[in-house]
């Protein structure tokens, strides 16, 4: 996050926002700056990517489904934009620790323990580590003693749109995002790659809510796509994974997507 902060400081914050007496390395200034950048960035990624997906990918015929709620899109957006500022508070604490040098993020490929191959390996390990953590966090949030307090609001959307992707209770949203922020404190990761993965995570989160159930047949059993995640919203106890089906298979919670068997939401609409 310090790459973003450096750019913001250089072009906007130092010349136009903060008084010259405020050092760029000051704790208060960094905290305020990260709060601003995190909230602005999260809102822009959510609304921008969500709108692109909603306009060009999402099948609007799904809005005819009997479980699609009245004014659902507006409700999803309002809920997400209400939650994101609260999610940002603990997230900024982690970003601040990164900026102040407590993580294992590095600037140059020469700092990587394995050079260029290390970048590729760190990308793979990031995906597998976060997928594993999110599976167990997500499954924990479905526990009967926890579910109604934090995760239930996200399951209001039985037929989600791309805007449901970030429509979480703040505690739910932070916990499911936590593995992405913990990873660079545990493992070496290039700063630019970390930013790219952060954008990818947002794109993927939107994609599994976009209603596009097309999955290459060779990847159906491996990749957790929109068809898999829609079944999670509809049938509750299945397909907790984020990117892959591995942990659902190991945990006994895998369900082959109903949309790929002629029993999905679109098939119901066509029958109606």
Foldseek 3Di string as FASTA:
>chain_A
DVVVLVVCCVPPCVPDNDDVVDDSPDPVNLLVSQLVCQLVVVLCLLVVLQVCLQVPPFDCLLCVFPLNDDVNLVVLLVLLNVQSSVLSPVVSVLVSCVNVPLFQADADLVPQPVRPVSQVVLVVCLQVQLQVQQLVLLLVCLPPVRVVPWPVQLLSRLQFALSSLRNTHNVSNNSSCVSLSCSRRPDYHYPVSSVVVVSVLSNQSSQLNHNRPDDPPVCQQWFCGVLQVSCCSNVVQADSGRTTCVVRVVVVRHDRGPVVVCRDSVSVSVVD
